[in-house]
Amino acid sequence: MTYRRTQGVRHMFGARDSASGQMPDHIRDRKRWTEFRTFP
């Protein structure tokens, strides 16, 4: 049986700041270079 994503998929960009120990993330509908560049 094939798994079907009828509602679409979401992409999460995440990174770890080693200086502060925090982990910022953003969830987006698309995964293109423009979304990646806007990630802090």
N, C-alpha and C. Protein backbone atom coordinates (compact mmCIF):
# COMPACT_ATOMS: atom_id res chain seq x y z
N MET A 1 0.84 -1.17 0.00
CA MET A 1 0.00 0.00 0.00
C MET A 1 0.89 1.24 0.00
N THR A 2 0.55 2.21 -0.80
CA THR A 2 1.32 3.45 -0.90
C THR A 2 0.73 4.50 0.04
N TYR A 3 1.61 5.17 0.76
CA TYR A 3 1.18 6.24 1.66
C TYR A 3 0.91 7.49 0.83
N ARG A 4 -0.28 8.05 0.95
CA ARG A 4 -0.66 9.23 0.18
C ARG A 4 -0.74 10.46 1.08
N ARG A 5 -0.13 11.53 0.66
CA ARG A 5 -0.17 12.80 1.40
C ARG A 5 -1.19 13.71 0.74
N THR A 6 -2.42 13.56 1.10
CA THR A 6 -3.48 14.33 0.46
C THR A 6 -3.52 15.78 0.93
N GLN A 7 -2.95 16.09 2.07
CA GLN A 7 -2.94 17.45 2.60
C GLN A 7 -1.62 18.18 2.29
N GLY A 8 -0.72 17.57 1.56
CA GLY A 8 0.58 18.18 1.27
C GLY A 8 1.59 17.87 2.36
N VAL A 9 2.77 18.44 2.23
CA VAL A 9 3.83 18.23 3.20
C VAL A 9 4.32 19.58 3.71
N ARG A 10 4.99 19.59 4.84
CA ARG A 10 5.57 20.81 5.43
C ARG A 10 7.06 20.56 5.60
N HIS A 11 7.85 21.62 5.54
CA HIS A 11 9.29 21.52 5.67
C HIS A 11 9.74 22.35 6.85
N MET A 12 10.65 21.80 7.65
CA MET A 12 11.16 22.52 8.81
C MET A 12 12.64 22.83 8.61
N PHE A 13 12.98 24.11 8.74
CA PHE A 13 14.37 24.54 8.74
C PHE A 13 14.77 24.73 10.19
N GLY A 14 15.87 24.16 10.58
CA GLY A 14 16.32 24.30 11.96
C GLY A 14 17.83 24.40 12.02
N ALA A 15 18.31 25.06 13.06
CA ALA A 15 19.75 25.21 13.27
C ALA A 15 20.00 25.37 14.76
N ARG A 16 21.20 25.06 15.18
CA ARG A 16 21.56 25.22 16.60
C ARG A 16 22.61 26.31 16.73
N ASP A 17 22.34 27.27 17.59
CA ASP A 17 23.29 28.33 17.89
C ASP A 17 24.14 27.86 19.06
N SER A 18 25.39 27.54 18.79
CA SER A 18 26.24 26.97 19.84
C SER A 18 26.60 28.00 20.92
N ALA A 19 26.56 29.29 20.60
CA ALA A 19 26.89 30.32 21.59
C ALA A 19 25.80 30.43 22.65
N SER A 20 24.53 30.43 22.22
CA SER A 20 23.44 30.61 23.18
C SER A 20 22.77 29.29 23.56
N GLY A 21 22.99 28.25 22.77
CA GLY A 21 22.37 26.96 23.05
C GLY A 21 20.94 26.87 22.57
N GLN A 22 20.44 27.90 21.89
CA GLN A 22 19.07 27.88 21.40
C GLN A 22 19.01 27.22 20.03
N MET A 23 17.80 26.80 19.66
CA MET A 23 17.61 26.13 18.38
C MET A 23 16.43 26.77 17.65
N PRO A 24 16.69 27.79 16.82
CA PRO A 24 15.59 28.42 16.08
C PRO A 24 15.12 27.51 14.95
N ASP A 25 13.83 27.59 14.63
CA ASP A 25 13.29 26.81 13.53
C ASP A 25 12.15 27.58 12.86
N HIS A 26 11.90 27.21 11.63
CA HIS A 26 10.79 27.76 10.85
C HIS A 26 10.15 26.63 10.08
N ILE A 27 8.83 26.61 10.02
CA ILE A 27 8.11 25.61 9.25
C ILE A 27 7.51 26.31 8.04
N ARG A 28 7.76 25.76 6.86
CA ARG A 28 7.32 26.36 5.61
C ARG A 28 6.55 25.35 4.76
N ASP A 29 5.75 25.89 3.84
CA ASP A 29 5.03 25.03 2.90
C ASP A 29 5.92 24.56 1.75
N ARG A 30 6.91 25.38 1.41
CA ARG A 30 7.78 25.06 0.29
C ARG A 30 9.22 24.99 0.77
N LYS A 31 10.05 24.31 -0.01
CA LYS A 31 11.47 24.18 0.31
C LYS A 31 12.25 24.67 -0.91
N ARG A 32 12.45 25.98 -0.97
CA ARG A 32 13.21 26.58 -2.06
C ARG A 32 14.35 27.40 -1.46
N TRP A 33 15.28 27.83 -2.27
CA TRP A 33 16.43 28.57 -1.76
C TRP A 33 16.00 29.90 -1.17
N THR A 34 14.90 30.50 -1.65
CA THR A 34 14.47 31.78 -1.09
C THR A 34 14.00 31.62 0.35
N GLU A 35 13.29 30.55 0.67
CA GLU A 35 12.89 30.29 2.05
C GLU A 35 14.10 29.99 2.93
N PHE A 36 15.06 29.27 2.37
CA PHE A 36 16.25 28.95 3.14
C PHE A 36 17.07 30.19 3.45
N ARG A 37 17.17 31.12 2.51
CA ARG A 37 17.95 32.35 2.73
C ARG A 37 17.30 33.27 3.75
N THR A 38 15.99 33.24 3.90
CA THR A 38 15.32 34.10 4.87
C THR A 38 15.40 33.53 6.29
N PHE A 39 15.88 32.32 6.41
CA PHE A 39 16.03 31.70 7.73
C PHE A 39 17.16 32.40 8.47
N PRO A 40 16.91 32.84 9.72
CA PRO A 40 17.95 33.58 10.46
C PRO A 40 19.13 32.72 10.87
